[in-house]
Amino acid sequence: MPRLLSLVLDTSPSALAVAVKNLKPLSWAQEGLVHAKEKAYLNGDLPIADYFAYKSGHLAESAVPTLNADYHTAAEKLAKQRALIAGHRLAAVLTELLSDPQDQ
């Protein structure tokens, strides 16, 4: 794993290397669920509003919670990390699928 990418993403190279080597789709889904609970939904503390009530005019715009800059920054960082890992995993899977059996 290139050190520059780990610096840009503020993640240790060893953590990225371990994640990239995991080629089990079920565990990818489990990782996504953990990240969704912890990061996207803030372990259940994310303030919410009823979208349909807002769109139909039954909920004032002032009653819709806003997400702060820290939330957006953290979401962007996580999205970049997950995209980097997904790209490396996809490359590994394709390399394995398309490799010549005689080379193994």
Foldseek 3Di string as FASTA:
>chain_A
DDPVVCVVLVHDPVVLVVLLPDQDVVVVVVVVVVCCCCQVCVVVPDDADDPVCVVVVNDDPVNGDDDDPVSVVVVVSVVSSSVVSVVSSVVVVVCVVPPDPVVD
